């Protein structure tokens, strides 16, 4: 059951990554310059208070350095790239095990 959930979440994230690639591509074509939606920009547009709460929680529990050196670089990446990488990880975690062949079954 958990493998199914990992695969399902991975496929949903892969679809979202494709949607953002198309969205950024259309915006880039319309403005005649490269455009990529950043994770922080999208998160702020959707629900900025939760981003602020995450920042406060990370700085309180792990320190300001973790926020600055780990979380901020992720938030500055294009959202299609982040969703794509997360989808590949989740799909790989949820894949079915290969059947054993030959003497390994015994």
PDB file of N, CA and C in Angstrom:
ATOM      1  N   UNK A   1       0.821  -1.194   0.000  1.00  0.00           N
ATOM      2  CA  UNK A   1       0.000   0.000   0.000  1.00  0.00           C
ATOM      3  C   UNK A   1       0.864   1.256   0.000  1.00  0.00           C
ATOM      4  N   UNK A   2       1.942   1.245   0.781  1.00  0.00           N
ATOM      5  CA  UNK A   2       2.797   2.435   0.860  1.00  0.00           C
ATOM      6  C   UNK A   2       3.529   2.647  -0.470  1.00  0.00           C
ATOM      7  N   UNK A   3       3.864   1.565  -1.160  1.00  0.00           N
ATOM      8  CA  UNK A   3       4.511   1.698  -2.467  1.00  0.00           C
ATOM      9  C   UNK A   3       3.581   2.378  -3.454  1.00  0.00           C
ATOM     10  N   UNK A   4       2.304   2.008  -3.387  1.00  0.00           N
ATOM     11  CA  UNK A   4       1.323   2.642  -4.258  1.00  0.00           C
ATOM     12  C   UNK A   4       1.255   4.139  -3.984  1.00  0.00           C
ATOM     13  N   UNK A   5       1.273   4.528  -2.719  1.00  0.00           N
ATOM     14  CA  UNK A   5       1.209   5.947  -2.375  1.00  0.00           C
ATOM     15  C   UNK A   5       2.444   6.698  -2.856  1.00  0.00           C
ATOM     16  N   UNK A   6       3.615   6.071  -2.735  1.00  0.00           N
ATOM     17  CA  UNK A   6       4.842   6.696  -3.240  1.00  0.00           C
ATOM     18  C   UNK A   6       4.762   6.883  -4.757  1.00  0.00           C
ATOM     19  N   UNK A   7       4.326   5.833  -5.470  1.00  0.00           N
ATOM     20  CA  UNK A   7       4.212   5.939  -6.931  1.00  0.00           C
ATOM     21  C   UNK A   7       3.183   6.984  -7.333  1.00  0.00           C
ATOM     22  N   UNK A   8       2.055   6.996  -6.638  1.00  0.00           N
ATOM     23  CA  UNK A   8       1.000   7.951  -6.961  1.00  0.00           C
ATOM     24  C   UNK A   8       1.483   9.382  -6.735  1.00  0.00           C
ATOM     25  N   UNK A   9       2.112   9.629  -5.576  1.00  0.00           N
ATOM     26  CA  UNK A   9       2.631  10.974  -5.306  1.00  0.00           C
ATOM     27  C   UNK A   9       3.712  11.352  -6.314  1.00  0.00           C
ATOM     28  N   UNK A  10       4.539  10.388  -6.707  1.00  0.00           N
ATOM     29  CA  UNK A  10       5.565  10.653  -7.704  1.00  0.00           C
ATOM     30  C   UNK A  10       4.986  11.015  -9.058  1.00  0.00           C
ATOM     31  N   UNK A  11       3.932  10.330  -9.448  1.00  0.00           N
ATOM     32  CA  UNK A  11       3.302  10.627 -10.740  1.00  0.00           C
ATOM     33  C   UNK A  11       2.612  11.984 -10.699  1.00  0.00           C
ATOM     34  N   UNK A  12       1.983  12.313  -9.573  1.00  0.00           N
ATOM     35  CA  UNK A  12       1.346  13.631  -9.440  1.00  0.00           C
ATOM     36  C   UNK A  12       2.412  14.728  -9.515  1.00  0.00           C
ATOM     37  N   UNK A  13       3.529  14.548  -8.816  1.00  0.00           N
ATOM     38  CA  UNK A  13       4.601  15.543  -8.872  1.00  0.00           C
ATOM     39  C   UNK A  13       5.208  15.642 -10.274  1.00  0.00           C
ATOM     40  N   UNK A  14       5.307  14.524 -10.971  1.00  0.00           N
ATOM     41  CA  UNK A  14       5.816  14.552 -12.343  1.00  0.00           C
ATOM     42  C   UNK A  14       4.867  15.331 -13.257  1.00  0.00           C
ATOM     43  N   UNK A  15       3.567  15.147 -13.058  1.00  0.00           N
ATOM     44  CA  UNK A  15       2.593  15.908 -13.836  1.00  0.00           C
ATOM     45  C   UNK A  15       2.692  17.396 -13.516  1.00  0.00           C
ATOM     46  N   UNK A  16       2.858  17.735 -12.241  1.00  0.00           N
ATOM     47  CA  UNK A  16       3.019  19.138 -11.863  1.00  0.00           C
ATOM     48  C   UNK A  16       4.293  19.732 -12.461  1.00  0.00           C
ATOM     49  N   UNK A  17       5.368  18.952 -12.475  1.00  0.00           N
ATOM     50  CA  UNK A  17       6.609  19.431 -13.081  1.00  0.00           C
ATOM     51  C   UNK A  17       6.400  19.719 -14.560  1.00  0.00           C
ATOM     52  N   UNK A  18       5.684  18.836 -15.247  1.00  0.00           N
ATOM     53  CA  UNK A  18       5.400  19.062 -16.670  1.00  0.00           C
ATOM     54  C   UNK A  18       4.535  20.301 -16.869  1.00  0.00           C
ATOM     55  N   UNK A  19       3.552  20.496 -15.995  1.00  0.00           N
ATOM     56  CA  UNK A  19       2.695  21.682 -16.088  1.00  0.00           C
ATOM     57  C   UNK A  19       3.531  22.952 -15.924  1.00  0.00           C
ATOM     58  N   UNK A  20       4.461  22.945 -14.975  1.00  0.00           N
ATOM     59  CA  UNK A  20       5.295  24.127 -14.775  1.00  0.00           C
ATOM     60  C   UNK A  20       6.276  24.340 -15.915  1.00  0.00           C
ATOM     61  N   UNK A  21       6.738  23.267 -16.540  1.00  0.00           N
ATOM     62  CA  UNK A  21       7.597  23.427 -17.721  1.00  0.00           C
ATOM     63  C   UNK A  21       6.814  24.102 -18.839  1.00  0.00           C
ATOM     64  N   UNK A  22       5.592  23.674 -19.053  1.00  0.00           N
ATOM     65  CA  UNK A  22       4.758  24.277 -20.089  1.00  0.00           C
ATOM     66  C   UNK A  22       4.430  25.727 -19.733  1.00  0.00           C
ATOM     67  N   UNK A  23       4.079  25.983 -18.474  1.00  0.00           N
ATOM     68  CA  UNK A  23       3.737  27.338 -18.029  1.00  0.00           C
ATOM     69  C   UNK A  23       4.923  28.289 -18.195  1.00  0.00           C
ATOM     70  N   UNK A  24       6.093  27.849 -17.733  1.00  0.00           N
ATOM     71  CA  UNK A  24       7.285  28.689 -17.866  1.00  0.00           C
ATOM     72  C   UNK A  24       7.684  28.863 -19.326  1.00  0.00           C
ATOM     73  N   UNK A  25       7.495  27.821 -20.133  1.00  0.00           N
ATOM     74  CA  UNK A  25       7.796  27.928 -21.553  1.00  0.00           C
ATOM     75  C   UNK A  25       6.892  28.928 -22.252  1.00  0.00           C
ATOM     76  N   UNK A  26       5.610  28.881 -21.938  1.00  0.00           N
ATOM     77  CA  UNK A  26       4.687  29.846 -22.544  1.00  0.00           C
ATOM     78  C   UNK A  26       5.017  31.265 -22.111  1.00  0.00           C
ATOM     79  N   UNK A  27       5.355  31.431 -20.845  1.00  0.00           N
ATOM     80  CA  UNK A  27       5.702  32.761 -20.337  1.00  0.00           C
ATOM     81  C   UNK A  27       7.009  33.240 -20.966  1.00  0.00           C
ATOM     82  N   UNK A  28       7.956  32.336 -21.182  1.00  0.00           N
ATOM     83  CA  UNK A  28       9.226  32.705 -21.807  1.00  0.00           C
ATOM     84  C   UNK A  28       9.029  33.111 -23.261  1.00  0.00           C
ATOM     85  N   UNK A  29       8.182  32.370 -23.963  1.00  0.00           N
ATOM     86  CA  UNK A  29       7.922  32.703 -25.360  1.00  0.00           C
ATOM     87  C   UNK A  29       7.215  34.046 -25.465  1.00  0.00           C
ATOM     88  N   UNK A  30       6.275  34.300 -24.573  1.00  0.00           N
ATOM     89  CA  UNK A  30       5.519  35.549 -24.625  1.00  0.00           C
ATOM     90  C   UNK A  30       6.379  36.764 -24.307  1.00  0.00           C
ATOM     91  N   UNK A  31       7.341  36.604 -23.388  1.00  0.00           N
ATOM     92  CA  UNK A  31       8.153  37.756 -22.996  1.00  0.00           C
ATOM     93  C   UNK A  31       9.490  37.831 -23.722  1.00  0.00           C
ATOM     94  N   UNK A  32       9.794  36.848 -24.581  1.00  0.00           N
ATOM     95  CA  UNK A  32      11.039  36.808 -25.359  1.00  0.00           C
ATOM     96  C   UNK A  32      12.283  36.773 -24.477  1.00  0.00           C
ATOM     97  N   UNK A  33      12.161  36.208 -23.291  1.00  0.00           N
ATOM     98  CA  UNK A  33      13.315  35.979 -22.415  1.00  0.00           C
ATOM     99  C   UNK A  33      13.020  34.770 -21.544  1.00  0.00           C
ATOM    100  N   UNK A  34      14.098  34.140 -21.049  1.00  0.00           N
ATOM    101  CA  UNK A  34      13.925  32.926 -20.259  1.00  0.00           C
ATOM    102  C   UNK A  34      13.244  33.254 -18.935  1.00  0.00           C
ATOM    103  N   UNK A  35      12.288  32.419 -18.561  1.00  0.00           N
ATOM    104  CA  UNK A  35      11.565  32.600 -17.309  1.00  0.00           C
ATOM    105  C   UNK A  35      11.413  31.240 -16.641  1.00  0.00           C
ATOM    106  N   UNK A  36      11.704  31.181 -15.343  1.00  0.00           N
ATOM    107  CA  UNK A  36      11.535  29.954 -14.571  1.00  0.00           C
ATOM    108  C   UNK A  36      10.954  30.323 -13.208  1.00  0.00           C
ATOM    109  N   UNK A  37       9.849  29.708 -12.872  1.00  0.00           N
ATOM    110  CA  UNK A  37       9.214  29.955 -11.583  1.00  0.00           C
ATOM    111  C   UNK A  37      10.040  29.295 -10.494  1.00  0.00           C
ATOM    112  N   UNK A  38      10.425  30.071  -9.508  1.00  0.00           N
ATOM    113  CA  UNK A  38      11.191  29.535  -8.382  1.00  0.00           C
ATOM    114  C   UNK A  38      10.229  28.946  -7.345  1.00  0.00           C
ATOM    115  N   UNK A  39      10.727  28.028  -6.547  1.00  0.00           N
ATOM    116  CA  UNK A  39       9.916  27.395  -5.512  1.00  0.00           C
ATOM    117  C   UNK A  39       9.417  28.439  -4.520  1.00  0.00           C
ATOM    118  N   UNK A  40      10.303  29.327  -4.098  1.00  0.00           N
ATOM    119  CA  UNK A  40       9.922  30.351  -3.113  1.00  0.00           C
ATOM    120  C   UNK A  40       8.839  31.275  -3.685  1.00  0.00           C
ATOM    121  N   UNK A  41       8.950  31.635  -4.934  1.00  0.00           N
ATOM    122  CA  UNK A  41       7.968  32.508  -5.567  1.00  0.00           C
ATOM    123  C   UNK A  41       6.591  31.841  -5.605  1.00  0.00           C
ATOM    124  N   UNK A  42       6.555  30.569  -6.001  1.00  0.00           N
ATOM    125  CA  UNK A  42       5.291  29.854  -6.066  1.00  0.00           C
ATOM    126  C   UNK A  42       4.700  29.662  -4.671  1.00  0.00           C
ATOM    127  N   UNK A  43       5.539  29.289  -3.709  1.00  0.00           N
ATOM    128  CA  UNK A  43       5.073  29.055  -2.339  1.00  0.00           C
ATOM    129  C   UNK A  43       4.521  30.346  -1.745  1.00  0.00           C
ATOM    130  N   UNK A  44       5.176  31.466  -2.011  1.00  0.00           N
ATOM    131  CA  UNK A  44       4.701  32.753  -1.508  1.00  0.00           C
ATOM    132  C   UNK A  44       3.346  33.114  -2.109  1.00  0.00           C
ATOM    133  N   UNK A  45       3.161  32.829  -3.390  1.00  0.00           N
ATOM    134  CA  UNK A  45       1.882  33.123  -4.026  1.00  0.00           C
ATOM    135  C   UNK A  45       0.763  32.233  -3.504  1.00  0.00           C
ATOM    136  N   UNK A  46       1.080  30.989  -3.180  1.00  0.00           N
ATOM    137  CA  UNK A  46       0.054  30.058  -2.722  1.00  0.00           C
ATOM    138  C   UNK A  46      -0.295  30.307  -1.255  1.00  0.00           C
ATOM    139  N   UNK A  47       0.726  30.329  -0.376  1.00  0.00           N
ATOM    140  CA  UNK A  47       0.479  30.510   1.060  1.00  0.00           C
ATOM    141  C   UNK A  47       1.760  30.995   1.726  1.00  0.00           C
ATOM    142  N   UNK A  48       1.916  32.301   1.793  1.00  0.00           N
ATOM    143  CA  UNK A  48       3.166  32.876   2.289  1.00  0.00           C
ATOM    144  C   UNK A  48       3.357  32.659   3.785  1.00  0.00           C
ATOM    145  N   UNK A  49       2.287  32.561   4.537  1.00  0.00           N
ATOM    146  CA  UNK A  49       2.411  32.383   5.993  1.00  0.00           C
ATOM    147  C   UNK A  49       3.045  31.034   6.339  1.00  0.00           C
ATOM    148  N   UNK A  50       2.734  29.991   5.574  1.00  0.00           N
ATOM    149  CA  UNK A  50       3.323  28.685   5.869  1.00  0.00           C
ATOM    150  C   UNK A  50       4.829  28.686   5.597  1.00  0.00           C
ATOM    151  N   UNK A  51       5.260  29.441   4.593  1.00  0.00           N
ATOM    152  CA  UNK A  51       6.694  29.554   4.334  1.00  0.00           C
ATOM    153  C   UNK A  51       7.394  30.260   5.492  1.00  0.00           C
ATOM    154  N   UNK A  52       6.780  31.293   5.999  1.00  0.00           N
ATOM    155  CA  UNK A  52       7.341  32.006   7.149  1.00  0.00           C
ATOM    156  C   UNK A  52       7.363  31.111   8.390  1.00  0.00           C
ATOM    157  N   UNK A  53       6.313  30.314   8.591  1.00  0.00           N
ATOM    158  CA  UNK A  53       6.286  29.395   9.735  1.00  0.00           C
ATOM    159  C   UNK A  53       7.368  28.330   9.605  1.00  0.00           C
ATOM    160  N   UNK A  54       7.605  27.833   8.384  1.00  0.00           N
ATOM    161  CA  UNK A  54       8.674  26.860   8.160  1.00  0.00           C
ATOM    162  C   UNK A  54      10.027  27.474   8.472  1.00  0.00           C
ATOM    163  N   UNK A  55      10.227  28.699   8.037  1.00  0.00           N
ATOM    164  CA  UNK A  55      11.496  29.374   8.299  1.00  0.00           C
ATOM    165  C   UNK A  55      11.728  29.517   9.800  1.00  0.00           C
ATOM    166  N   UNK A  56      10.710  29.950  10.531  1.00  0.00           N
ATOM    167  CA  UNK A  56      10.842  30.105  11.976  1.00  0.00           C
ATOM    168  C   UNK A  56      11.120  28.770  12.651  1.00  0.00           C
ATOM    169  N   UNK A  57      10.439  27.710  12.213  1.00  0.00           N
ATOM    170  CA  UNK A  57      10.635  26.393  12.811  1.00  0.00           C
ATOM    171  C   UNK A  57      12.039  25.851  12.545  1.00  0.00           C
ATOM    172  N   UNK A  58      12.529  26.014  11.316  1.00  0.00           N
ATOM    173  CA  UNK A  58      13.865  25.519  10.983  1.00  0.00           C
ATOM    174  C   UNK A  58      14.924  26.307  11.737  1.00  0.00           C
ATOM    175  N   UNK A  59      14.778  27.619  11.791  1.00  0.00           N
ATOM    176  CA  UNK A  59      15.769  28.430  12.505  1.00  0.00           C
ATOM    177  C   UNK A  59      15.750  28.150  13.998  1.00  0.00           C
ATOM    178  N   UNK A  60      14.586  27.858  14.542  1.00  0.00           N
ATOM    179  CA  UNK A  60      14.489  27.574  15.969  1.00  0.00           C
ATOM    180  C   UNK A  60      15.063  26.199  16.314  1.00  0.00           C
ATOM    181  N   UNK A  61      14.759  25.205  15.501  1.00  0.00           N
ATOM    182  CA  UNK A  61      15.182  23.846  15.846  1.00  0.00           C
ATOM    183  C   UNK A  61      16.570  23.488  15.320  1.00  0.00           C
ATOM    184  N   UNK A  62      16.915  23.931  14.113  1.00  0.00           N
ATOM    185  CA  UNK A  62      18.190  23.523  13.517  1.00  0.00           C
ATOM    186  C   UNK A  62      19.205  24.645  13.417  1.00  0.00           C
ATOM    187  N   UNK A  63      18.763  25.879  13.472  1.00  0.00           N
ATOM    188  CA  UNK A  63      19.683  27.000  13.403  1.00  0.00           C
ATOM    189  C   UNK A  63      19.564  27.779  12.107  1.00  0.00           C
ATOM    190  N   UNK A  64      20.088  28.997  12.159  1.00  0.00           N
ATOM    191  CA  UNK A  64      20.016  29.883  10.999  1.00  0.00           C
ATOM    192  C   UNK A  64      20.878  29.356   9.855  1.00  0.00           C
ATOM    193  N   UNK A  65      21.985  28.716  10.180  1.00  0.00           N
ATOM    194  CA  UNK A  65      22.882  28.187   9.152  1.00  0.00           C
ATOM    195  C   UNK A  65      22.217  27.141   8.272  1.00  0.00           C
ATOM    196  N   UNK A  66      21.403  26.289   8.874  1.00  0.00           N
ATOM    197  CA  UNK A  66      20.697  25.269   8.093  1.00  0.00           C
ATOM    198  C   UNK A  66      19.737  25.930   7.114  1.00  0.00           C
ATOM    199  N   UNK A  67      19.037  26.962   7.588  1.00  0.00           N
ATOM    200  CA  UNK A  67      18.121  27.655   6.681  1.00  0.00           C
ATOM    201  C   UNK A  67      18.898  28.288   5.534  1.00  0.00           C
ATOM    202  N   UNK A  68      19.998  28.961   5.866  1.00  0.00           N
ATOM    203  CA  UNK A  68      20.755  29.701   4.861  1.00  0.00           C
ATOM    204  C   UNK A  68      21.480  28.780   3.885  1.00  0.00           C
ATOM    205  N   UNK A  69      22.041  27.680   4.361  1.00  0.00           N
ATOM    206  CA  UNK A  69      22.891  26.850   3.514  1.00  0.00           C
ATOM    207  C   UNK A  69      22.185  25.637   2.917  1.00  0.00           C
ATOM    208  N   UNK A  70      21.015  25.247   3.458  1.00  0.00           N
ATOM    209  CA  UNK A  70      20.330  24.057   2.941  1.00  0.00           C
ATOM    210  C   UNK A  70      18.985  24.413   2.304  1.00  0.00           C
ATOM    211  N   UNK A  71      18.152  25.139   3.028  1.00  0.00           N
ATOM    212  CA  UNK A  71      16.785  25.368   2.557  1.00  0.00           C
ATOM    213  C   UNK A  71      16.724  26.470   1.499  1.00  0.00           C
ATOM    214  N   UNK A  72      17.422  27.570   1.712  1.00  0.00           N
ATOM    215  CA  UNK A  72      17.366  28.671   0.744  1.00  0.00           C
ATOM    216  C   UNK A  72      17.833  28.276  -0.656  1.00  0.00           C
ATOM    217  N   UNK A  73      18.919  27.490  -0.801  1.00  0.00           N
ATOM    218  CA  UNK A  73      19.283  27.082  -2.167  1.00  0.00           C
ATOM    219  C   UNK A  73      18.203  26.230  -2.845  1.00  0.00           C
ATOM    220  N   UNK A  74      17.476  25.438  -2.075  1.00  0.00           N
ATOM    221  CA  UNK A  74      16.384  24.654  -2.657  1.00  0.00           C
ATOM    222  C   UNK A  74      15.249  25.575  -3.077  1.00  0.00           C
ATOM    223  N   UNK A  75      14.959  26.585  -2.255  1.00  0.00           N
ATOM    224  CA  UNK A  75      13.874  27.512  -2.575  1.00  0.00           C
ATOM    225  C   UNK A  75      14.205  28.396  -3.772  1.00  0.00           C
ATOM    226  N   UNK A  76      15.466  28.542  -4.107  1.00  0.00           N
ATOM    227  CA  UNK A  76      15.866  29.363  -5.251  1.00  0.00           C
ATOM    228  C   UNK A  76      15.892  28.593  -6.580  1.00  0.00           C
ATOM    229  N   UNK A  77      15.642  27.292  -6.544  1.00  0.00           N
ATOM    230  CA  UNK A  77      15.668  26.476  -7.760  1.00  0.00           C
ATOM    231  C   UNK A  77      14.335  26.564  -8.503  1.00  0.00           C
ATOM    232  N   UNK A  78      14.351  26.274  -9.802  1.00  0.00           N
ATOM    233  CA  UNK A  78      13.087  26.233 -10.553  1.00  0.00           C
ATOM    234  C   UNK A  78      12.177  25.126 -10.020  1.00  0.00           C
ATOM    235  N   UNK A  79      10.900  25.433  -9.920  1.00  0.00           N
ATOM    236  CA  UNK A  79       9.971  24.490  -9.311  1.00  0.00           C
ATOM    237  C   UNK A  79       9.805  23.234 -10.157  1.00  0.00           C
ATOM    238  N   UNK A  80       9.928  23.345 -11.469  1.00  0.00           N
ATOM    239  CA  UNK A  80       9.816  22.166 -12.324  1.00  0.00           C
ATOM    240  C   UNK A  80      10.964  21.192 -12.046  1.00  0.00           C
ATOM    241  N   UNK A  81      12.147  21.716 -11.816  1.00  0.00           N
ATOM    242  CA  UNK A  81      13.298  20.868 -11.501  1.00  0.00           C
ATOM    243  C   UNK A  81      13.118  20.172 -10.161  1.00  0.00           C
ATOM    244  N   UNK A  82      12.688  20.909  -9.147  1.00  0.00           N
ATOM    245  CA  UNK A  82      12.505  20.332  -7.808  1.00  0.00           C
ATOM    246  C   UNK A  82      11.406  19.274  -7.834  1.00  0.00           C
ATOM    247  N   UNK A  83      10.276  19.577  -8.472  1.00  0.00           N
ATOM    248  CA  UNK A  83       9.197  18.593  -8.571  1.00  0.00           C
ATOM    249  C   UNK A  83       9.644  17.384  -9.377  1.00  0.00           C
ATOM    250  N   UNK A  84      10.421  17.588 -10.418  1.00  0.00           N
ATOM    251  CA  UNK A  84      10.913  16.472 -11.223  1.00  0.00           C
ATOM    252  C   UNK A  84      11.821  15.548 -10.434  1.00  0.00           C
ATOM    253  N   UNK A  85      12.737  16.116  -9.670  1.00  0.00           N
ATOM    254  CA  UNK A  85      13.651  15.301  -8.863  1.00  0.00           C
ATOM    255  C   UNK A  85      12.888  14.554  -7.776  1.00  0.00           C
ATOM    256  N   UNK A  86      11.974  15.236  -7.095  1.00  0.00           N
ATOM    257  CA  UNK A  86      11.169  14.571  -6.067  1.00  0.00           C
ATOM    258  C   UNK A  86      10.314  13.459  -6.654  1.00  0.00           C
ATOM    259  N   UNK A  87       9.785  13.679  -7.852  1.00  0.00           N
ATOM    260  CA  UNK A  87       8.953  12.644  -8.466  1.00  0.00           C
ATOM    261  C   UNK A  87       9.776  11.411  -8.809  1.00  0.00           C
ATOM    262  N   UNK A  88      10.976  11.602  -9.324  1.00  0.00           N
ATOM    263  CA  UNK A  88      11.831  10.452  -9.644  1.00  0.00           C
ATOM    264  C   UNK A  88      12.178   9.677  -8.379  1.00  0.00           C
ATOM    265  N   UNK A  89      12.497  10.381  -7.301  1.00  0.00           N
ATOM    266  CA  UNK A  89      12.819   9.709  -6.037  1.00  0.00           C
ATOM    267  C   UNK A  89      11.623   8.917  -5.529  1.00  0.00           C
ATOM    268  N   UNK A  90      10.440   9.510  -5.543  1.00  0.00           N
ATOM    269  CA  UNK A  90       9.256   8.810  -5.045  1.00  0.00           C
ATOM    270  C   UNK A  90       8.879   7.625  -5.930  1.00  0.00           C
ATOM    271  N   UNK A  91       9.005   7.774  -7.235  1.00  0.00           N
ATOM    272  CA  UNK A  91       8.691   6.655  -8.127  1.00  0.00           C
ATOM    273  C   UNK A  91       9.674   5.512  -7.916  1.00  0.00           C
ATOM    274  N   UNK A  92      10.949   5.828  -7.719  1.00  0.00           N
ATOM    275  CA  UNK A  92      11.935   4.775  -7.458  1.00  0.00           C
ATOM    276  C   UNK A  92      11.700   4.099  -6.115  1.00  0.00           C
ATOM    277  N   UNK A  93      11.286   4.863  -5.111  1.00  0.00           N
ATOM    278  CA  UNK A  93      10.983   4.262  -3.806  1.00  0.00           C
ATOM    279  C   UNK A  93       9.752   3.365  -3.880  1.00  0.00           C
ATOM    280  N   UNK A  94       8.827   3.682  -4.759  1.00  0.00           N
ATOM    281  CA  UNK A  94       7.593   2.929  -4.841  1.00  0.00           C
ATOM    282  C   UNK A  94       7.572   1.832  -5.876  1.00  0.00           C
ATOM    283  N   UNK A  95       8.675   1.599  -6.552  1.00  0.00           N
ATOM    284  CA  UNK A  95       8.653   0.577  -7.600  1.00  0.00           C
ATOM    285  C   UNK A  95       8.554  -0.820  -7.001  1.00  0.00           C
ATOM    286  N   UNK A  96       8.030  -1.721  -7.802  1.00  0.00           N
ATOM    287  CA  UNK A  96       7.868  -3.100  -7.359  1.00  0.00           C
ATOM    288  C   UNK A  96       9.207  -3.814  -7.385  1.00  0.00           C
ATOM    289  N   UNK A  97       9.361  -4.753  -6.474  1.00  0.00           N
ATOM    290  CA  UNK A  97      10.600  -5.520  -6.437  1.00  0.00           C
ATOM    291  C   UNK A  97      10.655  -6.452  -7.641  1.00  0.00           C
ATOM    292  N   UNK A  98      11.859  -6.670  -8.143  1.00  0.00           N
ATOM    293  CA  UNK A  98      12.054  -7.584  -9.259  1.00  0.00           C
ATOM    294  C   UNK A  98      11.864  -9.018  -8.769  1.00  0.00           C
ATOM    295  N   UNK A  99      11.272  -9.853  -9.591  1.00  0.00           N
ATOM    296  CA  UNK A  99      11.155 -11.266  -9.182  1.00  0.00           C
ATOM    297  C   UNK A  99      12.537 -11.930  -9.209  1.00  0.00           C
ATOM    298  N   UNK A 100      12.746 -12.793  -8.266  1.00  0.00           N
ATOM    299  CA  UNK A 100      14.016 -13.499  -8.197  1.00  0.00           C
ATOM    300  C   UNK A 100      14.071 -14.575  -9.277  1.00  0.00           C
ATOM    301  N   UNK A 101      15.238 -14.750  -9.870  1.00  0.00           N
ATOM    302  CA  UNK A 101      15.406 -15.690 -10.972  1.00  0.00           C
ATOM    303  C   UNK A 101      16.426 -16.734 -10.563  1.00  0.00           C
ATOM    304  N   UNK A 102      16.161 -17.957 -10.922  1.00  0.00           N
ATOM    305  CA  UNK A 102      17.146 -19.017 -10.738  1.00  0.00           C
ATOM    306  C   UNK A 102      17.242 -19.499  -9.308  1.00  0.00           C
ATOM    307  N   UNK A 103      18.457 -19.690  -8.828  1.00  0.00           N
ATOM    308  CA  UNK A 103      18.688 -20.271  -7.522  1.00  0.00           C
ATOM    309  C   UNK A 103      18.410 -19.309  -6.373  1.00  0.00           C
ATOM    310  N   UNK A 104      18.271 -18.048  -6.673  1.00  0.00           N
ATOM    311  CA  UNK A 104      18.042 -17.064  -5.613  1.00  0.00           C
ATOM    312  C   UNK A 104      16.680 -17.226  -4.962  1.00  0.00           C
ATOM    313  N   UNK A 105      15.757 -17.959  -5.595  1.00  0.00           N
ATOM    314  CA  UNK A 105      14.420 -18.140  -5.030  1.00  0.00           C
ATOM    315  C   UNK A 105      14.415 -19.114  -3.867  1.00  0.00           C
ATOM    316  N   UNK A 106      15.359 -19.985  -3.793  1.00  0.00           N
ATOM    317  CA  UNK A 106      15.339 -21.041  -2.789  1.00  0.00           C
ATOM    318  C   UNK A 106      15.709 -20.574  -1.437  1.00  0.00           C
TER     319      UNK A 106
END
